[in-house]
């Protein structure tokens, strides 16, 4: 089970999507939205998410943990709106990015 935690300015709205990998099955994509702080427990071997805060102000922090150990953390820096975050998985090591536009994962 992988934990995705969204932190930052309390009450900050966010939305985005996460792709979850389970074994050799095709990735499944899920839409998420809410307000910071929030936690999601995702049943998969690996995840990657693209999340956006609703405005340019405020700070959004995304954190991926496994078994209570933080694997990767990424934060937006105003005025950047988007956070891309990925656990370790078939695409390699854990990584994160903050950007003005939606991150593209390769």
C-alpha atoms as a PDB file:
ATOM      1  CA  UNK A   1       0.000   0.000   0.000  1.00  0.00           C
ATOM      2  CA  UNK A   2       1.367   3.420  -0.970  1.00  0.00           C
ATOM      3  CA  UNK A   3       0.414   6.581   0.917  1.00  0.00           C
ATOM      4  CA  UNK A   4      -0.025   9.858  -0.970  1.00  0.00           C
ATOM      5  CA  UNK A   5      -0.163  12.831   1.372  1.00  0.00           C
ATOM      6  CA  UNK A   6      -1.122  16.320   0.231  1.00  0.00           C
ATOM      7  CA  UNK A   7      -0.028  19.093   2.576  1.00  0.00           C
ATOM      8  CA  UNK A   8       0.666  22.800   2.321  1.00  0.00           C
ATOM      9  CA  UNK A   9      -1.526  25.758   3.147  1.00  0.00           C
ATOM     10  CA  UNK A  10      -4.604  24.453   5.029  1.00  0.00           C
ATOM     11  CA  UNK A  11      -7.749  24.629   2.898  1.00  0.00           C
ATOM     12  CA  UNK A  12      -5.818  24.981  -0.376  1.00  0.00           C
ATOM     13  CA  UNK A  13      -7.849  23.253  -3.119  1.00  0.00           C
ATOM     14  CA  UNK A  14      -6.154  20.856  -5.526  1.00  0.00           C
ATOM     15  CA  UNK A  15      -7.060  18.397  -8.262  1.00  0.00           C
ATOM     16  CA  UNK A  16      -5.239  16.029 -10.563  1.00  0.00           C
ATOM     17  CA  UNK A  17      -4.783  12.420 -11.475  1.00  0.00           C
ATOM     18  CA  UNK A  18      -2.695   9.446 -10.405  1.00  0.00           C
ATOM     19  CA  UNK A  19      -1.675   6.395 -12.393  1.00  0.00           C
ATOM     20  CA  UNK A  20      -1.326   3.229 -10.335  1.00  0.00           C
ATOM     21  CA  UNK A  21       0.736   0.224 -11.416  1.00  0.00           C
ATOM     22  CA  UNK A  22      -0.026  -3.234 -10.022  1.00  0.00           C
ATOM     23  CA  UNK A  23       2.326  -5.975 -11.190  1.00  0.00           C
ATOM     24  CA  UNK A  24       2.374  -6.349 -14.965  1.00  0.00           C
ATOM     25  CA  UNK A  25      -1.190  -5.086 -15.409  1.00  0.00           C
ATOM     26  CA  UNK A  26      -1.787  -1.887 -17.417  1.00  0.00           C
ATOM     27  CA  UNK A  27      -1.693   1.347 -15.393  1.00  0.00           C
ATOM     28  CA  UNK A  28      -5.031   2.503 -13.991  1.00  0.00           C
ATOM     29  CA  UNK A  29      -5.696   6.228 -13.851  1.00  0.00           C
ATOM     30  CA  UNK A  30      -7.690   7.842 -11.049  1.00  0.00           C
ATOM     31  CA  UNK A  31      -8.878  11.420 -10.665  1.00  0.00           C
ATOM     32  CA  UNK A  32      -8.452  13.006  -7.229  1.00  0.00           C
ATOM     33  CA  UNK A  33      -9.464  16.357  -5.784  1.00  0.00           C
ATOM     34  CA  UNK A  34      -9.757  17.897  -2.373  1.00  0.00           C
ATOM     35  CA  UNK A  35      -8.259  20.362   0.064  1.00  0.00           C
ATOM     36  CA  UNK A  36      -4.975  20.255   1.950  1.00  0.00           C
ATOM     37  CA  UNK A  37      -4.293  18.435   4.162  1.00  0.00           C
ATOM     38  CA  UNK A  38      -5.411  15.108   2.662  1.00  0.00           C
ATOM     39  CA  UNK A  39      -4.190  11.491   2.633  1.00  0.00           C
ATOM     40  CA  UNK A  40      -4.847   8.694   0.171  1.00  0.00           C
ATOM     41  CA  UNK A  41      -3.877   5.025   0.560  1.00  0.00           C
ATOM     42  CA  UNK A  42      -3.380   3.529  -2.880  1.00  0.00           C
ATOM     43  CA  UNK A  43      -3.247  -0.240  -3.492  1.00  0.00           C
ATOM     44  CA  UNK A  44      -0.416  -0.584  -5.964  1.00  0.00           C
ATOM     45  CA  UNK A  45       3.239  -1.324  -6.549  1.00  0.00           C
ATOM     46  CA  UNK A  46       4.014   2.150  -7.923  1.00  0.00           C
ATOM     47  CA  UNK A  47       2.223   5.464  -8.534  1.00  0.00           C
ATOM     48  CA  UNK A  48       2.783   8.702 -10.390  1.00  0.00           C
ATOM     49  CA  UNK A  49       0.615  11.778  -9.990  1.00  0.00           C
ATOM     50  CA  UNK A  50       0.142  15.207 -11.555  1.00  0.00           C
ATOM     51  CA  UNK A  51      -1.575  17.623  -9.174  1.00  0.00           C
ATOM     52  CA  UNK A  52      -2.467  21.310  -9.472  1.00  0.00           C
ATOM     53  CA  UNK A  53      -3.492  23.857  -6.888  1.00  0.00           C
ATOM     54  CA  UNK A  54      -6.466  26.001  -7.893  1.00  0.00           C
ATOM     55  CA  UNK A  55      -4.667  29.353  -7.849  1.00  0.00           C
ATOM     56  CA  UNK A  56      -1.150  30.736  -8.077  1.00  0.00           C
ATOM     57  CA  UNK A  57      -0.881  31.693  -4.409  1.00  0.00           C
ATOM     58  CA  UNK A  58      -0.293  29.223  -1.624  1.00  0.00           C
ATOM     59  CA  UNK A  59       1.992  26.224  -1.348  1.00  0.00           C
ATOM     60  CA  UNK A  60       1.115  22.630  -2.229  1.00  0.00           C
ATOM     61  CA  UNK A  61       3.276  19.744  -0.994  1.00  0.00           C
ATOM     62  CA  UNK A  62       2.913  16.168  -2.269  1.00  0.00           C
ATOM     63  CA  UNK A  63       4.573  13.281  -0.429  1.00  0.00           C
ATOM     64  CA  UNK A  64       4.741   9.556  -1.261  1.00  0.00           C
ATOM     65  CA  UNK A  65       5.483   7.080   1.549  1.00  0.00           C
ATOM     66  CA  UNK A  66       5.781   3.296   1.817  1.00  0.00           C
ATOM     67  CA  UNK A  67       5.621   1.516   5.174  1.00  0.00           C
ATOM     68  CA  UNK A  68       5.946   4.861   6.988  1.00  0.00           C
ATOM     69  CA  UNK A  69       9.108   5.895   5.112  1.00  0.00           C
ATOM     70  CA  UNK A  70       8.969   8.980   2.866  1.00  0.00           C
ATOM     71  CA  UNK A  71      10.152   8.036  -0.615  1.00  0.00           C
ATOM     72  CA  UNK A  72       9.784  11.440  -2.290  1.00  0.00           C
ATOM     73  CA  UNK A  73       8.404  14.888  -1.462  1.00  0.00           C
ATOM     74  CA  UNK A  74       7.817  17.770  -3.872  1.00  0.00           C
ATOM     75  CA  UNK A  75       6.431  21.265  -3.265  1.00  0.00           C
ATOM     76  CA  UNK A  76       5.209  24.067  -5.499  1.00  0.00           C
ATOM     77  CA  UNK A  77       6.937  27.413  -5.339  1.00  0.00           C
ATOM     78  CA  UNK A  78       4.517  30.300  -6.050  1.00  0.00           C
ATOM     79  CA  UNK A  79       3.564  31.130  -8.784  1.00  0.00           C
ATOM     80  CA  UNK A  80       4.033  27.530 -10.022  1.00  0.00           C
ATOM     81  CA  UNK A  81       0.754  25.572  -9.875  1.00  0.00           C
ATOM     82  CA  UNK A  82       1.666  21.974 -10.793  1.00  0.00           C
ATOM     83  CA  UNK A  83       3.422  19.189  -8.905  1.00  0.00           C
ATOM     84  CA  UNK A  84       4.485  15.965 -10.576  1.00  0.00           C
ATOM     85  CA  UNK A  85       5.525  13.156  -8.259  1.00  0.00           C
ATOM     86  CA  UNK A  86       6.338   9.485  -8.840  1.00  0.00           C
ATOM     87  CA  UNK A  87       7.305   6.635  -6.554  1.00  0.00           C
ATOM     88  CA  UNK A  88      10.040   4.244  -7.552  1.00  0.00           C
ATOM     89  CA  UNK A  89       8.694   1.764 -10.054  1.00  0.00           C
ATOM     90  CA  UNK A  90       9.016   0.455 -13.597  1.00  0.00           C
ATOM     91  CA  UNK A  91      10.095   3.945 -14.732  1.00  0.00           C
ATOM     92  CA  UNK A  92      13.075   4.051 -12.328  1.00  0.00           C
ATOM     93  CA  UNK A  93      13.756   5.862  -9.071  1.00  0.00           C
ATOM     94  CA  UNK A  94      11.331   8.187  -7.286  1.00  0.00           C
ATOM     95  CA  UNK A  95      11.235  11.714  -8.708  1.00  0.00           C
ATOM     96  CA  UNK A  96       9.353  14.973  -8.443  1.00  0.00           C
ATOM     97  CA  UNK A  97       8.981  18.263 -10.246  1.00  0.00           C
ATOM     98  CA  UNK A  98       7.220  21.617  -9.814  1.00  0.00           C
ATOM     99  CA  UNK A  99       6.163  23.518 -12.921  1.00  0.00           C
ATOM    100  CA  UNK A 100       3.898  26.192 -14.365  1.00  0.00           C
ATOM    101  CA  UNK A 101       2.312  23.687 -16.791  1.00  0.00           C
ATOM    102  CA  UNK A 102       1.152  20.099 -16.369  1.00  0.00           C
ATOM    103  CA  UNK A 103       4.192  17.793 -16.070  1.00  0.00           C
ATOM    104  CA  UNK A 104       4.705  15.200 -18.790  1.00  0.00           C
ATOM    105  CA  UNK A 105       6.056  11.851 -17.580  1.00  0.00           C
ATOM    106  CA  UNK A 106       8.263   9.821 -19.868  1.00  0.00           C
END
